[in-house]
Amino acid sequence: KSKSIVYGLLLPLIMESSKIGIPQLEVITRTIDGGLDDDSIVALLTELFSDSRTSASAIFLPFPLTLQSSSSPLPQHLTQWDDSMIEIVFTLINQNFQIEPSHTSASNQSQSIFSKLLFYLSSNIERLPKHPKLCQILMLLVTKHANSVMDKLEEIREIAEKSKAFIRKGVIGRVMYLVIERGKKE
């Protein structure tokens, strides 16, 4: 049920708009906060941040979805995030969902999602180093989703160091704690 909301409502609002306005942002964030299930959140993240974009949409929709193909350029707000896209990503990462860590069978897809997400976070933090929400997204990754990003801790630390937001110190501290904990388990 929720996947039809992702492919029929959220993705068209996000992917086909040249700019996401306040009314669209409200619909998107309230829908995400309103109770998308884990599979739907992961599907939305996959469509936004993996190399296999639009492949799954054909499975869930009874009609063809005319999203940007993976070979055509993405709308600018998907690569150079504006405040609306930052809010959408923050809302998504703030949800309770599980993406498999790298040592599981679903690791290629999850690592692709996190690699792309971290790539966009890095480029946007370089562009907007004082934007606190970008660093808050990193904090959510190392707190709520720590198990899923254990293999990406060094990359997250490097990204956090590019930020000028106050919360970066908290992100770096949390990363260092997780590195120590990971060392104890090995």
Protein backbone atom coordinates (compact mmCIF):
# COMPACT_ATOMS: atom_id res chain seq x y z
CA LYS A 1 0.00 0.00 0.00
CA SER A 2 2.70 2.51 0.97
CA LYS A 3 4.81 1.77 -2.09
CA SER A 4 2.05 3.13 -4.31
CA ILE A 5 2.31 6.37 -2.30
CA VAL A 6 6.06 6.43 -2.95
CA TYR A 7 5.81 5.77 -6.69
CA GLY A 8 2.51 7.52 -7.35
CA LEU A 9 2.86 10.63 -5.18
CA LEU A 10 6.27 11.25 -3.61
CA LEU A 11 8.61 10.44 -6.47
CA PRO A 12 6.68 12.47 -9.05
CA LEU A 13 6.59 15.44 -6.65
CA ILE A 14 10.32 15.18 -5.98
CA MET A 15 11.70 14.07 -9.34
CA GLU A 16 9.53 15.88 -11.83
CA SER A 17 9.51 19.31 -10.24
CA SER A 18 12.10 21.84 -11.28
CA LYS A 19 11.76 23.33 -7.78
CA ILE A 20 9.90 21.95 -4.79
CA GLY A 21 7.60 24.61 -3.39
CA ILE A 22 6.31 24.93 0.17
CA PRO A 23 2.96 23.17 -0.54
CA GLN A 24 4.73 20.22 -2.21
CA LEU A 25 7.27 20.08 0.62
CA GLU A 26 4.46 19.93 3.19
CA VAL A 27 2.79 17.05 1.34
CA ILE A 28 6.08 15.17 1.00
CA THR A 29 7.29 15.58 4.59
CA ARG A 30 3.89 14.93 6.16
CA THR A 31 3.46 11.82 4.04
CA ILE A 32 6.89 10.53 5.06
CA ASP A 33 6.25 11.38 8.73
CA GLY A 34 2.72 10.00 8.51
CA GLY A 35 3.74 6.41 8.58
CA LEU A 36 5.43 5.02 5.52
CA ASP A 37 6.52 1.49 6.29
CA ASP A 38 10.18 0.45 6.27
CA ASP A 39 10.02 -1.02 2.77
CA SER A 40 8.54 2.18 1.37
CA ILE A 41 11.18 4.38 3.00
CA VAL A 42 13.93 2.13 1.66
CA ALA A 43 12.26 2.17 -1.78
CA LEU A 44 12.20 5.97 -1.76
CA LEU A 45 15.84 6.15 -0.66
CA THR A 46 16.73 3.63 -3.36
CA GLU A 47 15.04 5.68 -6.04
CA LEU A 48 16.72 8.87 -4.86
CA PHE A 49 20.21 7.56 -4.07
CA SER A 50 21.05 4.39 -5.94
CA ASP A 51 22.25 3.60 -9.43
CA SER A 52 19.20 1.41 -10.08
CA ARG A 53 16.75 4.32 -10.19
CA THR A 54 13.35 3.70 -11.87
CA SER A 55 13.93 -0.05 -12.20
CA ALA A 56 11.66 -0.92 -9.30
CA SER A 57 8.93 1.52 -10.29
CA ALA A 58 7.82 -0.69 -13.15
CA ILE A 59 7.08 -3.49 -10.69
CA PHE A 60 4.76 -1.52 -8.43
CA LEU A 61 2.80 0.66 -10.82
CA PRO A 62 0.15 -0.48 -13.28
CA PHE A 63 1.18 2.35 -15.63
CA PRO A 64 4.56 3.63 -16.83
CA LEU A 65 6.07 6.32 -14.64
CA THR A 66 7.85 9.03 -16.58
CA LEU A 67 10.57 9.85 -14.09
CA GLN A 68 13.95 10.98 -15.26
CA SER A 69 15.80 7.94 -16.55
CA SER A 70 19.13 7.13 -14.95
CA SER A 71 20.88 8.21 -18.16
CA SER A 72 19.33 11.68 -18.27
CA PRO A 73 20.52 14.41 -15.92
CA LEU A 74 18.78 14.69 -12.58
CA PRO A 75 16.84 17.83 -11.66
CA GLN A 76 19.26 20.32 -10.09
CA HIS A 77 17.62 20.20 -6.65
CA LEU A 78 18.49 16.48 -6.44
CA THR A 79 22.22 17.14 -6.77
CA GLN A 80 22.61 20.70 -5.46
CA TRP A 81 20.15 20.50 -2.62
CA ASP A 82 17.98 23.47 -1.80
CA ASP A 83 16.29 23.90 1.60
CA SER A 84 13.33 21.79 0.45
CA MET A 85 15.47 18.84 -0.60
CA ILE A 86 17.54 19.09 2.59
CA GLU A 87 14.30 18.95 4.59
CA ILE A 88 13.10 15.91 2.61
CA VAL A 89 16.37 14.03 3.15
CA PHE A 90 16.37 14.98 6.84
CA THR A 91 12.77 13.76 7.21
CA LEU A 92 13.62 10.47 5.47
CA ILE A 93 16.75 9.77 7.52
CA ASN A 94 14.90 10.73 10.71
CA GLN A 95 12.50 7.80 10.24
CA ASN A 96 12.97 4.46 11.95
CA PHE A 97 13.88 2.01 9.21
CA GLN A 98 16.49 -0.64 8.68
CA ILE A 99 18.90 -0.86 5.77
CA GLU A 100 21.02 -3.96 5.88
CA PRO A 101 24.63 -3.46 6.93
CA SER A 102 27.37 -4.37 4.47
CA HIS A 103 27.92 -7.93 5.67
CA THR A 104 24.43 -9.10 4.61
CA SER A 105 22.98 -10.28 1.32
CA ALA A 106 21.38 -6.91 0.55
CA SER A 107 24.70 -5.14 1.04
CA ASN A 108 25.32 -4.00 -2.53
CA GLN A 109 22.08 -2.06 -2.70
CA SER A 110 22.39 -0.56 0.78
CA GLN A 111 26.02 0.42 0.26
CA SER A 112 25.09 2.01 -3.05
CA ILE A 113 22.36 4.02 -1.33
CA PHE A 114 24.67 5.19 1.45
CA SER A 115 27.55 5.88 -0.94
CA LYS A 116 25.35 8.10 -3.12
CA LEU A 117 23.76 9.80 -0.10
CA LEU A 118 27.18 10.53 1.39
CA PHE A 119 28.45 11.78 -1.97
CA TYR A 120 25.58 14.29 -2.18
CA LEU A 121 25.95 15.23 1.49
CA SER A 122 29.65 15.89 0.95
CA SER A 123 29.15 18.05 -2.12
CA ASN A 124 26.34 19.99 -0.46
CA ILE A 125 28.28 20.53 2.76
CA GLU A 126 31.17 21.86 0.66
CA ARG A 127 28.70 24.21 -1.04
CA LEU A 128 26.80 25.15 2.15
CA PRO A 129 29.25 24.54 5.04
CA LYS A 130 27.24 26.50 7.62
CA HIS A 131 23.90 24.78 6.95
CA PRO A 132 23.07 23.01 10.24
CA LYS A 133 20.53 20.56 8.78
CA LEU A 134 23.17 18.94 6.57
CA CYS A 135 25.27 18.11 9.61
CA GLN A 136 22.12 17.00 11.47
CA ILE A 137 21.60 14.43 8.70
CA LEU A 138 25.09 13.10 9.42
CA MET A 139 24.24 12.97 13.13
CA LEU A 140 21.10 10.96 12.37
CA LEU A 141 23.17 8.53 10.31
CA VAL A 142 25.62 7.88 13.16
CA THR A 143 22.93 7.67 15.84
CA LYS A 144 19.70 6.20 14.43
CA HIS A 145 21.35 4.23 11.64
CA ALA A 146 24.76 3.47 13.13
CA ASN A 147 24.58 -0.27 12.38
CA SER A 148 23.97 0.43 8.70
CA VAL A 149 26.85 2.90 8.30
CA MET A 150 29.61 1.18 10.28
CA ASP A 151 31.66 0.70 7.10
CA LYS A 152 31.29 4.39 6.21
CA LEU A 153 32.47 5.98 9.46
CA GLU A 154 35.73 7.40 8.12
CA GLU A 155 33.91 8.92 5.16
CA ILE A 156 31.29 10.43 7.48
CA ARG A 157 34.03 11.93 9.67
CA GLU A 158 35.71 13.49 6.62
CA ILE A 159 32.40 14.97 5.49
CA ALA A 160 31.65 16.33 8.98
CA GLU A 161 35.06 18.01 9.09
CA LYS A 162 34.10 20.05 6.00
CA SER A 163 31.14 21.53 7.86
CA LYS A 164 31.24 24.76 9.81
CA ALA A 165 28.04 23.94 11.71
CA PHE A 166 28.36 23.60 15.49
CA ILE A 167 26.91 20.07 15.50
CA ARG A 168 29.89 18.77 13.50
CA LYS A 169 31.84 18.28 16.74
CA GLY A 170 29.08 16.00 17.99
CA VAL A 171 29.13 14.03 14.74
CA ILE A 172 32.91 13.62 14.87
CA GLY A 173 32.73 12.56 18.53
CA ARG A 174 30.03 10.00 17.78
CA VAL A 175 32.03 8.65 14.83
CA MET A 176 35.10 8.24 17.03
CA TYR A 177 33.01 6.40 19.64
CA LEU A 178 31.61 4.06 16.95
CA VAL A 179 35.11 3.40 15.58
CA ILE A 180 36.24 2.36 19.07
CA GLU A 181 33.16 0.15 19.52
CA ARG A 182 33.72 -1.42 16.09
CA GLY A 183 37.34 -2.15 17.08
CA LYS A 184 36.19 -3.95 20.23
CA LYS A 185 33.91 -6.25 18.21
CA GLU A 186 36.61 -7.23 15.71
